């Protein structure tokens, strides 16, 4: 990674994190938020990256998971061979347009020559299963450069044989084997808070099944075996704001519909998530 003035920064795109403890430096990028949210153009993404790159750090805290595609930019900060490890309730592997979208950014990561392998842990939504998996990057999955690990507890026995499928009773055993295979290598870790169960985070998307201890345990196992070059965390709920009508329409069609609690309740729960996971990621 580069050697910025700080090892970690808060990139404020959407005011999802109003009160950040521990003196975390904040980059005010709210002017970019509506232009980048959910999806954006290649031209816009390059303009944003050119402006923001000098201020970035080894670890980056972002707001909503609607900005998870920016991880495809953060991975550019290193040119060393690296494995990307993602904790996410969604595979983000959709091969359909637009090119820069929070639902397809894994493909941007796989295009980087130094990203050798991608592993996504904790997917609980429908995208990893038939027929929706047809829109995923099955080519990379067949090649072994991409492995998704979806929860299969609620699936029929045959579905549990899907490559990478995990159960609550055995996922840690599988994760330990995965981490051991990374011994001595470089990794980049991204956490989307929607990988957490509903009681642990409020997000703009469906929630997964992990709890705080699951993710902290996973991070500790990874650090025991591999060298963490950098990482990021996103997924905190924020009120959507868009620069383009087409962008807003596509986002509203794709997002689930929830009845959200008060803003104070959301902030309190997500602050607890921050305090539980951010130190474990950035230590």
Protein backbone atom coordinates (compact mmCIF):
# COMPACT_ATOMS: atom_id res chain seq x y z
CA UNK A 1 0.00 0.00 0.00
CA UNK A 2 0.96 3.65 -0.19
CA UNK A 3 2.29 5.35 2.94
CA UNK A 4 -0.31 8.03 3.75
CA UNK A 5 -0.20 10.33 6.74
CA UNK A 6 -2.78 8.17 8.49
CA UNK A 7 -3.20 4.39 8.54
CA UNK A 8 -7.00 4.72 8.51
CA UNK A 9 -9.52 7.29 7.27
CA UNK A 10 -13.25 7.85 7.20
CA UNK A 11 -14.46 8.67 3.69
CA UNK A 12 -17.70 10.55 4.26
CA UNK A 13 -19.90 10.12 1.20
CA UNK A 14 -23.34 10.05 2.79
CA UNK A 15 -23.23 11.02 6.49
CA UNK A 16 -23.81 7.40 7.49
CA UNK A 17 -21.29 7.82 10.31
CA UNK A 18 -22.05 11.11 12.05
CA UNK A 19 -19.98 10.50 15.15
CA UNK A 20 -16.76 8.59 14.57
CA UNK A 21 -14.81 7.81 17.75
CA UNK A 22 -11.07 7.22 18.16
CA UNK A 23 -10.13 10.44 16.35
CA UNK A 24 -10.48 8.88 12.91
CA UNK A 25 -9.57 11.49 10.25
CA UNK A 26 -12.47 12.30 7.93
CA UNK A 27 -12.42 13.11 4.22
CA UNK A 28 -15.46 15.16 3.21
CA UNK A 29 -16.56 13.56 -0.06
CA UNK A 30 -20.28 14.27 0.30
CA UNK A 31 -20.29 16.13 -3.02
CA UNK A 32 -19.43 12.82 -4.67
CA UNK A 33 -21.97 10.68 -2.84
CA UNK A 34 -25.02 11.19 -5.08
CA UNK A 35 -22.92 10.73 -8.22
CA UNK A 36 -21.36 7.45 -7.06
CA UNK A 37 -24.19 5.82 -5.12
CA UNK A 38 -25.34 2.37 -6.35
CA UNK A 39 -23.81 2.88 -9.80
CA UNK A 40 -21.71 5.34 -11.76
CA UNK A 41 -19.87 5.75 -15.05
CA UNK A 42 -16.25 4.78 -15.77
CA UNK A 43 -15.49 8.46 -16.42
CA UNK A 44 -16.94 9.53 -13.10
CA UNK A 45 -15.14 6.78 -11.18
CA UNK A 46 -11.78 7.85 -12.63
CA UNK A 47 -12.40 11.52 -11.85
CA UNK A 48 -13.30 10.62 -8.27
CA UNK A 49 -10.28 8.35 -7.84
CA UNK A 50 -7.91 10.95 -9.25
CA UNK A 51 -9.13 13.51 -6.74
CA UNK A 52 -9.39 11.29 -3.67
CA UNK A 53 -6.38 9.00 -4.06
CA UNK A 54 -3.80 11.25 -2.33
CA UNK A 55 -5.95 11.31 0.81
CA UNK A 56 -6.55 7.56 1.11
CA UNK A 57 -5.08 5.23 3.70
CA UNK A 58 -4.45 1.57 4.40
CA UNK A 59 -7.90 1.16 5.96
CA UNK A 60 -10.98 3.01 4.73
CA UNK A 61 -14.36 3.41 6.42
CA UNK A 62 -17.24 4.20 4.05
CA UNK A 63 -20.97 4.57 4.56
CA UNK A 64 -23.68 2.61 2.80
CA UNK A 65 -23.06 -0.65 1.00
CA UNK A 66 -24.36 1.25 -2.04
CA UNK A 67 -20.73 2.39 -2.33
CA UNK A 68 -19.12 -1.04 -2.07
CA UNK A 69 -17.96 -0.85 -5.68
CA UNK A 70 -15.36 1.65 -4.52
CA UNK A 71 -13.42 -1.28 -3.07
CA UNK A 72 -12.50 -1.92 -6.70
CA UNK A 73 -10.58 1.36 -6.48
CA UNK A 74 -9.02 0.79 -3.06
CA UNK A 75 -7.48 -2.43 -4.38
CA UNK A 76 -5.48 -0.36 -6.85
CA UNK A 77 -3.44 1.06 -4.00
CA UNK A 78 -1.26 -2.02 -3.90
CA UNK A 79 0.53 -3.78 -6.73
CA UNK A 80 1.61 -6.79 -4.71
CA UNK A 81 -0.10 -10.13 -5.36
CA UNK A 82 -3.12 -10.26 -3.08
CA UNK A 83 -6.15 -12.34 -2.17
CA UNK A 84 -9.38 -10.44 -1.61
CA UNK A 85 -11.45 -11.71 1.32
CA UNK A 86 -14.98 -10.31 1.56
CA UNK A 87 -17.50 -10.68 4.38
CA UNK A 88 -20.78 -9.90 2.62
CA UNK A 89 -24.38 -11.05 2.42
CA UNK A 90 -24.23 -10.54 -1.37
CA UNK A 91 -21.74 -11.97 -3.89
CA UNK A 92 -21.57 -8.68 -5.87
CA UNK A 93 -20.59 -10.74 -8.91
CA UNK A 94 -23.24 -9.68 -11.44
CA UNK A 95 -21.82 -9.56 -14.96
CA UNK A 96 -24.57 -7.33 -16.37
CA UNK A 97 -24.17 -3.57 -16.89
CA UNK A 98 -23.49 -1.05 -15.53
CA UNK A 99 -19.79 -1.68 -15.29
CA UNK A 100 -19.36 0.21 -12.00
CA UNK A 101 -22.14 -0.89 -9.68
CA UNK A 102 -22.24 -2.13 -6.10
CA UNK A 103 -23.74 -5.41 -7.34
CA UNK A 104 -20.92 -6.21 -9.78
CA UNK A 105 -17.73 -4.74 -8.37
CA UNK A 106 -16.12 -8.14 -7.70
CA UNK A 107 -15.55 -8.32 -11.45
CA UNK A 108 -13.62 -5.04 -11.35
CA UNK A 109 -11.43 -6.55 -8.62
CA UNK A 110 -10.79 -9.68 -10.67
CA UNK A 111 -9.62 -7.54 -13.61
CA UNK A 112 -6.69 -6.23 -11.57
CA UNK A 113 -3.61 -8.32 -12.43
CA UNK A 114 -2.36 -8.47 -8.83
CA UNK A 115 -5.67 -9.79 -7.43
CA UNK A 116 -5.01 -13.51 -7.64
CA UNK A 117 -8.07 -14.87 -5.85
CA UNK A 118 -11.38 -13.66 -4.38
CA UNK A 119 -13.29 -15.39 -1.57
CA UNK A 120 -16.69 -14.14 -0.38
CA UNK A 121 -18.01 -15.42 2.94
CA UNK A 122 -21.51 -15.28 4.39
CA UNK A 123 -23.78 -14.79 1.37
CA UNK A 124 -27.37 -15.34 2.44
CA UNK A 125 -29.42 -13.91 -0.38
CA UNK A 126 -30.84 -15.53 -3.51
CA UNK A 127 -28.08 -14.52 -5.94
CA UNK A 128 -25.90 -17.57 -5.30
CA UNK A 129 -28.65 -20.02 -6.20
CA UNK A 130 -30.51 -21.13 -9.30
CA UNK A 131 -31.70 -19.40 -11.41
CA UNK A 132 -30.26 -16.06 -10.25
CA UNK A 133 -26.71 -17.39 -10.23
CA UNK A 134 -26.88 -17.28 -14.03
CA UNK A 135 -26.13 -13.57 -13.77
CA UNK A 136 -23.03 -14.18 -11.66
CA UNK A 137 -19.44 -14.55 -12.81
CA UNK A 138 -19.61 -18.31 -13.18
CA UNK A 139 -16.56 -18.28 -15.46
CA UNK A 140 -14.36 -17.04 -12.60
CA UNK A 141 -16.03 -19.48 -10.23
CA UNK A 142 -15.32 -22.43 -12.54
CA UNK A 143 -11.72 -21.24 -12.93
CA UNK A 144 -11.31 -21.16 -9.16
CA UNK A 145 -10.28 -17.50 -9.02
CA UNK A 146 -13.61 -16.68 -7.35
CA UNK A 147 -15.22 -18.74 -4.59
CA UNK A 148 -18.48 -17.76 -2.94
CA UNK A 149 -19.52 -19.26 0.38
CA UNK A 150 -23.31 -18.95 0.73
CA UNK A 151 -25.32 -20.10 3.72
CA UNK A 152 -27.14 -23.34 2.93
CA UNK A 153 -28.87 -24.08 6.24
CA UNK A 154 -32.29 -23.30 4.78
CA UNK A 155 -31.62 -25.08 1.50
CA UNK A 156 -32.53 -28.67 0.55
CA UNK A 157 -29.85 -31.36 1.03
CA UNK A 158 -28.91 -31.36 -2.66
CA UNK A 159 -28.27 -27.60 -2.62
CA UNK A 160 -25.94 -28.01 0.33
CA UNK A 161 -23.53 -29.74 -2.01
CA UNK A 162 -23.05 -26.52 -3.94
CA UNK A 163 -19.39 -25.56 -4.21
CA UNK A 164 -18.48 -23.34 -1.27
CA UNK A 165 -21.77 -23.79 0.60
CA UNK A 166 -21.50 -23.37 4.38
CA UNK A 167 -23.62 -24.24 7.39
CA UNK A 168 -23.66 -22.67 10.83
CA UNK A 169 -22.33 -25.93 12.23
CA UNK A 170 -19.29 -26.19 9.98
CA UNK A 171 -18.43 -22.80 8.52
CA UNK A 172 -15.62 -22.11 10.98
CA UNK A 173 -13.95 -25.40 10.13
CA UNK A 174 -14.08 -24.50 6.44
CA UNK A 175 -12.84 -20.98 7.14
CA UNK A 176 -9.87 -22.27 9.13
CA UNK A 177 -8.85 -24.47 6.17
CA UNK A 178 -9.22 -21.49 3.85
CA UNK A 179 -7.13 -19.23 6.09
CA UNK A 180 -4.43 -21.89 6.42
CA UNK A 181 -4.20 -22.02 2.62
CA UNK A 182 -3.25 -18.34 2.71
CA UNK A 183 -0.28 -18.81 5.03
CA UNK A 184 2.43 -16.28 4.26
CA UNK A 185 0.44 -14.51 1.54
CA UNK A 186 -0.98 -11.00 1.26
CA UNK A 187 -4.69 -10.33 1.73
CA UNK A 188 -7.08 -7.42 1.51
CA UNK A 189 -10.23 -7.61 3.66
CA UNK A 190 -13.54 -5.89 2.97
CA UNK A 191 -16.50 -6.00 5.35
CA UNK A 192 -20.05 -5.10 4.39
CA UNK A 193 -22.16 -4.75 7.53
CA UNK A 194 -25.03 -6.51 5.79
CA UNK A 195 -23.14 -9.75 6.43
CA UNK A 196 -24.40 -9.34 10.02
CA UNK A 197 -27.72 -10.64 11.32
CA UNK A 198 -30.56 -8.09 11.67
CA UNK A 199 -29.96 -7.43 15.37
CA UNK A 200 -26.36 -6.35 14.72
CA UNK A 201 -26.60 -3.69 11.99
CA UNK A 202 -29.03 -1.53 10.02
CA UNK A 203 -28.14 -1.43 6.35
CA UNK A 204 -29.68 -0.48 3.00
CA UNK A 205 -29.79 -4.14 2.02
CA UNK A 206 -30.88 -7.54 3.34
CA UNK A 207 -29.00 -8.81 6.39
CA UNK A 208 -26.98 -12.01 6.67
CA UNK A 209 -26.26 -14.39 9.55
CA UNK A 210 -22.92 -13.46 11.12
CA UNK A 211 -22.65 -11.91 14.57
CA UNK A 212 -19.83 -9.72 15.85
CA UNK A 213 -17.89 -12.62 17.29
CA UNK A 214 -18.04 -14.53 13.99
CA UNK A 215 -16.41 -11.70 12.06
CA UNK A 216 -13.88 -10.89 14.79
CA UNK A 217 -12.92 -14.54 14.94
CA UNK A 218 -12.53 -14.66 11.16
CA UNK A 219 -10.31 -11.59 11.15
CA UNK A 220 -8.11 -13.05 13.89
CA UNK A 221 -7.70 -16.31 11.98
CA UNK A 222 -6.78 -14.44 8.81
CA UNK A 223 -4.18 -12.33 10.62
CA UNK A 224 -2.69 -15.45 12.18
CA UNK A 225 -1.95 -16.93 8.76
CA UNK A 226 -1.63 -14.04 6.32
CA UNK A 227 -0.42 -10.46 6.00
CA UNK A 228 -3.23 -7.88 5.80
CA UNK A 229 -2.17 -5.23 3.30
CA UNK A 230 -5.31 -3.16 3.80
CA UNK A 231 -9.05 -3.24 4.15
CA UNK A 232 -12.31 -1.36 4.26
CA UNK A 233 -15.71 -1.45 5.93
CA UNK A 234 -19.03 -0.23 4.57
CA UNK A 235 -22.71 -1.06 4.94
CA UNK A 236 -24.10 1.44 7.46
CA UNK A 237 -27.54 2.70 6.50
CA UNK A 238 -27.91 6.16 5.00
CA UNK A 239 -30.77 7.98 3.31
CA UNK A 240 -30.35 7.48 -0.45
CA UNK A 241 -29.52 10.50 -2.59
CA UNK A 242 -28.86 10.31 -6.33
CA UNK A 243 -27.55 12.60 -9.05
CA UNK A 244 -29.41 10.95 -11.95
CA UNK A 245 -33.00 9.75 -12.40
CA UNK A 246 -31.95 6.54 -14.15
CA UNK A 247 -29.57 5.79 -11.31
CA UNK A 248 -32.33 6.37 -8.73
CA UNK A 249 -34.82 4.20 -10.66
CA UNK A 250 -32.41 1.26 -10.96
CA UNK A 251 -31.50 1.51 -7.28
CA UNK A 252 -35.11 1.62 -6.11
CA UNK A 253 -35.95 -1.40 -8.26
CA UNK A 254 -33.06 -3.40 -6.82
CA UNK A 255 -33.27 -2.51 -3.13
CA UNK A 256 -35.49 -4.38 -0.67
CA UNK A 257 -38.25 -2.41 1.04
CA UNK A 258 -37.92 -2.07 4.83
CA UNK A 259 -39.63 -0.22 7.64
CA UNK A 260 -36.69 1.52 9.24
CA UNK A 261 -36.59 2.59 12.90
CA UNK A 262 -35.68 6.09 14.02
CA UNK A 263 -32.41 7.66 12.92
CA UNK A 264 -31.19 7.59 16.51
CA UNK A 265 -31.85 3.85 16.77
CA UNK A 266 -30.03 3.19 13.51
CA UNK A 267 -27.01 5.23 14.58
CA UNK A 268 -26.83 3.55 17.98
CA UNK A 269 -26.91 0.03 16.54
CA UNK A 270 -24.42 0.81 13.79
CA UNK A 271 -22.08 2.56 16.19
CA UNK A 272 -22.05 -0.67 18.18
CA UNK A 273 -21.13 -2.51 14.98
CA UNK A 274 -18.34 -0.02 14.30
CA UNK A 275 -16.91 -0.41 17.79
CA UNK A 276 -17.09 -4.19 17.54
CA UNK A 277 -15.50 -4.64 14.10
CA UNK A 278 -13.40 -1.61 13.10
CA UNK A 279 -10.67 -2.16 15.73
CA UNK A 280 -10.48 -5.85 14.77
CA UNK A 281 -10.03 -4.94 11.10
CA UNK A 282 -7.45 -2.19 11.61
CA UNK A 283 -5.33 -3.52 14.46
